[in-house]
């Protein structure tokens, strides 16, 4: 696992339980959906086909109002942006981020640590086919949604 190999336990931010290392590697498409019903999301995605994402460089994000930084992997995909917009238009949500920047979070780290990881290109250019999406409701339930196969 790249994260455990490159981010030491001493650098991981563990002051709050919900932070630390990311156990379920994923790309968030739309944050803060109000629905707890996966059928609502399935209905919006019913005509959306499978697609590919391209991985980029490792980077860090330093939220100014938080006690941690974030180590993340940049992700490129026009389809992710389309899905983000589509879900935002069709379903009530509380997403407060002004700009969507798809990424994979590896870990929440102590402020100012792991600067040597920024720009790491270990994964750059790798493509991953996305054929399903996992809907995670705010109460913790998860359901897999199959995307339509492209012919």
C-alpha atoms as a PDB file:
ATOM      1  CA  UNK A   1       0.000   0.000   0.000  1.00  0.00           C
ATOM      2  CA  UNK A   2       1.534   3.292  -1.160  1.00  0.00           C
ATOM      3  CA  UNK A   3       0.109   5.300   1.759  1.00  0.00           C
ATOM      4  CA  UNK A   4       1.549   3.121   4.520  1.00  0.00           C
ATOM      5  CA  UNK A   5       4.878   2.906   2.738  1.00  0.00           C
ATOM      6  CA  UNK A   6       5.284   6.686   2.287  1.00  0.00           C
ATOM      7  CA  UNK A   7       3.341   8.242   5.187  1.00  0.00           C
ATOM      8  CA  UNK A   8       4.728   7.331   8.608  1.00  0.00           C
ATOM      9  CA  UNK A   9       2.473   6.678  11.588  1.00  0.00           C
ATOM     10  CA  UNK A  10       4.071   9.698  13.302  1.00  0.00           C
ATOM     11  CA  UNK A  11       2.880  11.994  10.484  1.00  0.00           C
ATOM     12  CA  UNK A  12      -0.733  10.777  10.502  1.00  0.00           C
ATOM     13  CA  UNK A  13      -3.261  13.123  12.136  1.00  0.00           C
ATOM     14  CA  UNK A  14      -5.263  11.104  14.662  1.00  0.00           C
ATOM     15  CA  UNK A  15      -6.552  13.792  17.026  1.00  0.00           C
ATOM     16  CA  UNK A  16     -10.108  13.202  15.801  1.00  0.00           C
ATOM     17  CA  UNK A  17     -11.478   9.691  15.157  1.00  0.00           C
ATOM     18  CA  UNK A  18     -12.846  10.355  11.665  1.00  0.00           C
ATOM     19  CA  UNK A  19      -9.399  11.330  10.353  1.00  0.00           C
ATOM     20  CA  UNK A  20      -6.127   9.428   9.958  1.00  0.00           C
ATOM     21  CA  UNK A  21      -5.477   7.032   7.083  1.00  0.00           C
ATOM     22  CA  UNK A  22      -8.221   6.523   4.525  1.00  0.00           C
ATOM     23  CA  UNK A  23      -9.276   2.872   4.709  1.00  0.00           C
ATOM     24  CA  UNK A  24     -11.677   2.906   1.769  1.00  0.00           C
ATOM     25  CA  UNK A  25      -9.893   4.384  -1.224  1.00  0.00           C
ATOM     26  CA  UNK A  26     -12.434   6.269  -3.331  1.00  0.00           C
ATOM     27  CA  UNK A  27     -13.183   9.398  -5.353  1.00  0.00           C
ATOM     28  CA  UNK A  28     -16.072  11.450  -3.971  1.00  0.00           C
ATOM     29  CA  UNK A  29     -18.396  12.482  -6.794  1.00  0.00           C
ATOM     30  CA  UNK A  30     -20.914  14.614  -4.893  1.00  0.00           C
ATOM     31  CA  UNK A  31     -20.708  15.502  -1.230  1.00  0.00           C
ATOM     32  CA  UNK A  32     -23.699  16.103   1.014  1.00  0.00           C
ATOM     33  CA  UNK A  33     -26.579  14.427  -0.812  1.00  0.00           C
ATOM     34  CA  UNK A  34     -29.674  14.683   1.381  1.00  0.00           C
ATOM     35  CA  UNK A  35     -31.263  11.452   0.183  1.00  0.00           C
ATOM     36  CA  UNK A  36     -30.600   8.230   2.078  1.00  0.00           C
ATOM     37  CA  UNK A  37     -32.213   6.229  -0.732  1.00  0.00           C
ATOM     38  CA  UNK A  38     -29.843   4.712  -3.303  1.00  0.00           C
ATOM     39  CA  UNK A  39     -32.778   4.429  -5.742  1.00  0.00           C
ATOM     40  CA  UNK A  40     -32.780   8.224  -6.079  1.00  0.00           C
ATOM     41  CA  UNK A  41     -29.146   8.139  -7.184  1.00  0.00           C
ATOM     42  CA  UNK A  42     -29.736   5.105  -9.437  1.00  0.00           C
ATOM     43  CA  UNK A  43     -32.527   6.980 -11.184  1.00  0.00           C
ATOM     44  CA  UNK A  44     -30.231   9.927 -11.943  1.00  0.00           C
ATOM     45  CA  UNK A  45     -27.447   7.625 -13.201  1.00  0.00           C
ATOM     46  CA  UNK A  46     -29.613   5.186 -15.183  1.00  0.00           C
ATOM     47  CA  UNK A  47     -28.333   6.370 -18.581  1.00  0.00           C
ATOM     48  CA  UNK A  48     -24.749   7.047 -17.541  1.00  0.00           C
ATOM     49  CA  UNK A  49     -22.221   4.639 -19.026  1.00  0.00           C
ATOM     50  CA  UNK A  50     -18.953   3.272 -17.748  1.00  0.00           C
ATOM     51  CA  UNK A  51     -15.913   5.505 -18.196  1.00  0.00           C
ATOM     52  CA  UNK A  52     -12.208   5.799 -17.424  1.00  0.00           C
ATOM     53  CA  UNK A  53     -10.346   8.000 -14.989  1.00  0.00           C
ATOM     54  CA  UNK A  54      -6.695   8.996 -15.342  1.00  0.00           C
ATOM     55  CA  UNK A  55      -4.522   9.254 -12.260  1.00  0.00           C
ATOM     56  CA  UNK A  56      -2.242  12.237 -11.732  1.00  0.00           C
ATOM     57  CA  UNK A  57       0.399  13.324  -9.230  1.00  0.00           C
ATOM     58  CA  UNK A  58       0.370  13.140  -5.467  1.00  0.00           C
ATOM     59  CA  UNK A  59      -0.336  16.523  -3.899  1.00  0.00           C
ATOM     60  CA  UNK A  60      -1.121  18.049  -0.529  1.00  0.00           C
ATOM     61  CA  UNK A  61      -3.988  20.283   0.494  1.00  0.00           C
ATOM     62  CA  UNK A  62      -3.750  22.498   3.579  1.00  0.00           C
ATOM     63  CA  UNK A  63      -7.210  23.605   4.722  1.00  0.00           C
ATOM     64  CA  UNK A  64      -6.575  26.989   6.384  1.00  0.00           C
ATOM     65  CA  UNK A  65      -9.094  26.451   9.181  1.00  0.00           C
ATOM     66  CA  UNK A  66      -8.084  22.875  10.084  1.00  0.00           C
ATOM     67  CA  UNK A  67      -5.355  21.313  12.218  1.00  0.00           C
ATOM     68  CA  UNK A  68      -4.380  18.847   9.486  1.00  0.00           C
ATOM     69  CA  UNK A  69      -3.216  18.670   5.872  1.00  0.00           C
ATOM     70  CA  UNK A  70      -4.429  16.122   3.312  1.00  0.00           C
ATOM     71  CA  UNK A  71      -2.270  13.868   1.105  1.00  0.00           C
ATOM     72  CA  UNK A  72      -4.204  13.110  -2.074  1.00  0.00           C
ATOM     73  CA  UNK A  73      -3.886  11.703  -5.571  1.00  0.00           C
ATOM     74  CA  UNK A  74      -5.178  13.928  -8.352  1.00  0.00           C
ATOM     75  CA  UNK A  75      -7.711  12.349 -10.732  1.00  0.00           C
ATOM     76  CA  UNK A  76      -8.728  13.527 -14.206  1.00  0.00           C
ATOM     77  CA  UNK A  77     -12.004  12.647 -15.899  1.00  0.00           C
ATOM     78  CA  UNK A  78     -14.554  14.778 -17.759  1.00  0.00           C
ATOM     79  CA  UNK A  79     -17.171  12.166 -16.807  1.00  0.00           C
ATOM     80  CA  UNK A  80     -16.593  12.717 -13.086  1.00  0.00           C
ATOM     81  CA  UNK A  81     -17.318  16.417 -13.609  1.00  0.00           C
ATOM     82  CA  UNK A  82     -20.487  15.531 -15.549  1.00  0.00           C
ATOM     83  CA  UNK A  83     -21.636  13.175 -12.775  1.00  0.00           C
ATOM     84  CA  UNK A  84     -20.880  15.800 -10.130  1.00  0.00           C
ATOM     85  CA  UNK A  85     -22.985  18.392 -11.971  1.00  0.00           C
ATOM     86  CA  UNK A  86     -25.791  15.960 -12.773  1.00  0.00           C
ATOM     87  CA  UNK A  87     -26.179  14.795  -9.167  1.00  0.00           C
ATOM     88  CA  UNK A  88     -26.039  18.395  -7.955  1.00  0.00           C
ATOM     89  CA  UNK A  89     -28.761  19.481 -10.380  1.00  0.00           C
ATOM     90  CA  UNK A  90     -31.098  16.547  -9.771  1.00  0.00           C
ATOM     91  CA  UNK A  91     -30.752  15.852  -6.037  1.00  0.00           C
ATOM     92  CA  UNK A  92     -30.941  18.113  -3.007  1.00  0.00           C
ATOM     93  CA  UNK A  93     -27.521  18.476  -1.373  1.00  0.00           C
ATOM     94  CA  UNK A  94     -25.415  20.483   1.054  1.00  0.00           C
ATOM     95  CA  UNK A  95     -22.205  20.603  -0.991  1.00  0.00           C
ATOM     96  CA  UNK A  96     -20.416  23.834  -0.082  1.00  0.00           C
ATOM     97  CA  UNK A  97     -17.321  23.363  -2.261  1.00  0.00           C
ATOM     98  CA  UNK A  98     -17.312  25.953  -5.043  1.00  0.00           C
ATOM     99  CA  UNK A  99     -15.035  23.986  -7.344  1.00  0.00           C
ATOM    100  CA  UNK A 100     -15.011  20.220  -7.885  1.00  0.00           C
ATOM    101  CA  UNK A 101     -11.488  18.763  -7.845  1.00  0.00           C
ATOM    102  CA  UNK A 102     -11.658  14.975  -8.081  1.00  0.00           C
ATOM    103  CA  UNK A 103      -9.040  13.202  -5.989  1.00  0.00           C
ATOM    104  CA  UNK A 104      -8.295  10.142  -3.901  1.00  0.00           C
ATOM    105  CA  UNK A 105      -7.491  10.899  -0.255  1.00  0.00           C
ATOM    106  CA  UNK A 106      -4.671   8.784   1.172  1.00  0.00           C
ATOM    107  CA  UNK A 107      -4.434  10.318   4.640  1.00  0.00           C
ATOM    108  CA  UNK A 108      -5.008  13.269   6.914  1.00  0.00           C
ATOM    109  CA  UNK A 109      -1.595  14.303   8.214  1.00  0.00           C
ATOM    110  CA  UNK A 110      -0.163  16.672  10.799  1.00  0.00           C
ATOM    111  CA  UNK A 111       0.224  20.196   9.426  1.00  0.00           C
ATOM    112  CA  UNK A 112       3.465  20.785   7.561  1.00  0.00           C
ATOM    113  CA  UNK A 113       4.511  17.128   7.290  1.00  0.00           C
ATOM    114  CA  UNK A 114       5.089  14.994   4.173  1.00  0.00           C
ATOM    115  CA  UNK A 115       5.983  17.909   1.876  1.00  0.00           C
ATOM    116  CA  UNK A 116       8.401  15.592   0.036  1.00  0.00           C
ATOM    117  CA  UNK A 117       5.413  13.677  -1.364  1.00  0.00           C
ATOM    118  CA  UNK A 118       4.034  16.590  -3.405  1.00  0.00           C
ATOM    119  CA  UNK A 119       4.656  15.995  -7.092  1.00  0.00           C
ATOM    120  CA  UNK A 120       5.288  12.255  -6.717  1.00  0.00           C
ATOM    121  CA  UNK A 121       4.307  10.785 -10.094  1.00  0.00           C
ATOM    122  CA  UNK A 122       4.164   7.082  -9.184  1.00  0.00           C
ATOM    123  CA  UNK A 123       0.585   6.753 -10.483  1.00  0.00           C
ATOM    124  CA  UNK A 124       0.613   9.470 -13.174  1.00  0.00           C
ATOM    125  CA  UNK A 125      -1.035   8.399 -16.415  1.00  0.00           C
ATOM    126  CA  UNK A 126      -2.538   5.177 -15.084  1.00  0.00           C
ATOM    127  CA  UNK A 127      -6.090   4.630 -16.290  1.00  0.00           C
ATOM    128  CA  UNK A 128      -8.825   2.902 -14.324  1.00  0.00           C
ATOM    129  CA  UNK A 129     -12.154   1.825 -15.786  1.00  0.00           C
ATOM    130  CA  UNK A 130     -15.164   2.796 -13.678  1.00  0.00           C
ATOM    131  CA  UNK A 131     -18.125   0.435 -14.114  1.00  0.00           C
ATOM    132  CA  UNK A 132     -19.877   0.972 -10.795  1.00  0.00           C
ATOM    133  CA  UNK A 133     -20.385   3.632  -8.180  1.00  0.00           C
ATOM    134  CA  UNK A 134     -20.914   3.136  -4.466  1.00  0.00           C
ATOM    135  CA  UNK A 135     -23.568   5.327  -2.898  1.00  0.00           C
ATOM    136  CA  UNK A 136     -22.770   6.032   0.752  1.00  0.00           C
ATOM    137  CA  UNK A 137     -25.630   7.569   2.692  1.00  0.00           C
ATOM    138  CA  UNK A 138     -24.991   9.828   5.671  1.00  0.00           C
ATOM    139  CA  UNK A 139     -26.177   7.042   7.990  1.00  0.00           C
ATOM    140  CA  UNK A 140     -23.358   4.795   6.756  1.00  0.00           C
ATOM    141  CA  UNK A 141     -25.308   2.487   4.438  1.00  0.00           C
ATOM    142  CA  UNK A 142     -23.571   1.639   1.169  1.00  0.00           C
ATOM    143  CA  UNK A 143     -25.029   0.354  -2.073  1.00  0.00           C
ATOM    144  CA  UNK A 144     -23.303  -0.405  -5.364  1.00  0.00           C
ATOM    145  CA  UNK A 145     -24.809   1.099  -8.512  1.00  0.00           C
ATOM    146  CA  UNK A 146     -23.842  -0.485 -11.828  1.00  0.00           C
ATOM    147  CA  UNK A 147     -23.241   1.928 -14.686  1.00  0.00           C
ATOM    148  CA  UNK A 148     -24.584   1.127 -18.137  1.00  0.00           C
ATOM    149  CA  UNK A 149     -22.035  -0.772 -20.220  1.00  0.00           C
ATOM    150  CA  UNK A 150     -20.741   1.109 -23.238  1.00  0.00           C
ATOM    151  CA  UNK A 151     -21.086  -0.828 -26.469  1.00  0.00           C
END
